[in-house]
Amino acid sequence: MPDPAFQFANFSLQTVLSLVFYIIFGLYIIFTAILYYHWQTYATDKLVSRVTILSFFATTLPLLLIMSVALLKI
């Protein structure tokens, strides 16, 4: 008889995907904070740093939005 603590049949796909999304979102926040700190601390040109930050958010925020919308449709 399998141990009930290791049975994953009790979790729905929605629950597992939500958990994965929250983990990815948390890692994104941590990664973004680290990058922002380094760009502000070690940047040699403020304009280049500003463009880099804007392009980072312009690229990653739509990806997070698509992930969250896809999660809501499941």
Protein backbone atom coordinates (compact mmCIF):
# COMPACT_ATOMS: atom_id res chain seq x y z
CA MET A 1 0.00 0.00 0.00
CA PRO A 2 1.53 3.34 -1.03
CA ASP A 3 2.13 6.00 1.55
CA PRO A 4 -0.63 8.67 1.31
CA ALA A 5 1.92 11.42 1.96
CA PHE A 6 3.48 10.70 -1.43
CA GLN A 7 0.26 10.52 -3.42
CA PHE A 8 -0.11 13.51 -5.69
CA ALA A 9 -3.54 12.54 -6.98
CA ASN A 10 -5.13 14.87 -4.44
CA PHE A 11 -3.72 17.94 -6.19
CA SER A 12 -5.52 19.29 -9.20
CA LEU A 13 -3.66 20.53 -12.25
CA GLN A 14 -4.79 24.07 -11.43
CA THR A 15 -3.26 23.85 -7.94
CA VAL A 16 0.07 22.52 -9.20
CA LEU A 17 0.28 25.12 -11.97
CA SER A 18 -0.60 27.90 -9.55
CA LEU A 19 2.14 26.78 -7.20
CA VAL A 20 4.66 26.65 -10.06
CA PHE A 21 3.58 30.12 -11.20
CA TYR A 22 4.01 31.59 -7.70
CA ILE A 23 7.45 30.03 -7.38
CA ILE A 24 8.50 31.42 -10.77
CA PHE A 25 7.07 34.83 -9.87
CA GLY A 26 8.95 34.86 -6.56
CA LEU A 27 12.21 33.93 -8.28
CA TYR A 28 11.53 36.66 -10.86
CA ILE A 29 11.16 39.25 -8.10
CA ILE A 30 14.40 38.15 -6.42
CA PHE A 31 16.29 38.02 -9.74
CA THR A 32 14.96 41.46 -10.72
CA ALA A 33 15.96 43.00 -7.40
CA ILE A 34 19.50 41.62 -7.75
CA LEU A 35 19.81 42.84 -11.33
CA TYR A 36 18.43 46.26 -10.45
CA TYR A 37 20.90 46.63 -7.60
CA HIS A 38 23.82 45.70 -9.81
CA TRP A 39 22.68 47.96 -12.66
CA GLN A 40 22.36 50.90 -10.27
CA THR A 41 25.57 50.22 -8.35
CA TYR A 42 28.00 49.25 -11.08
CA ALA A 43 26.64 51.07 -14.13
CA THR A 44 29.05 53.43 -15.82
CA ASP A 45 26.44 55.23 -17.91
CA LYS A 46 23.04 56.16 -16.48
CA LEU A 47 21.35 56.29 -19.88
CA VAL A 48 22.52 52.80 -20.82
CA SER A 49 21.42 51.51 -17.42
CA ARG A 50 17.98 53.08 -17.82
CA VAL A 51 17.56 51.60 -21.31
CA THR A 52 18.64 48.19 -20.01
CA ILE A 53 16.12 48.27 -17.16
CA LEU A 54 13.30 49.39 -19.46
CA SER A 55 14.10 46.70 -22.03
CA PHE A 56 14.27 44.07 -19.28
CA PHE A 57 10.80 44.97 -18.03
CA ALA A 58 9.41 45.38 -21.55
CA THR A 59 10.56 41.84 -22.31
CA THR A 60 9.76 40.00 -19.09
CA LEU A 61 6.51 41.58 -17.90
CA PRO A 62 4.55 40.51 -21.01
CA LEU A 63 5.86 36.97 -20.50
CA LEU A 64 4.60 36.95 -16.91
CA LEU A 65 1.28 38.39 -18.07
CA ILE A 66 0.90 35.67 -20.70
CA MET A 67 1.72 33.02 -18.09
CA SER A 68 -0.89 34.38 -15.68
CA VAL A 69 -3.59 34.67 -18.35
CA ALA A 70 -2.88 31.12 -19.52
CA LEU A 71 -3.11 29.93 -15.93
CA LEU A 72 -6.50 31.60 -15.50
CA LYS A 73 -7.86 29.91 -18.64
CA ILE A 74 -7.09 26.39 -17.34
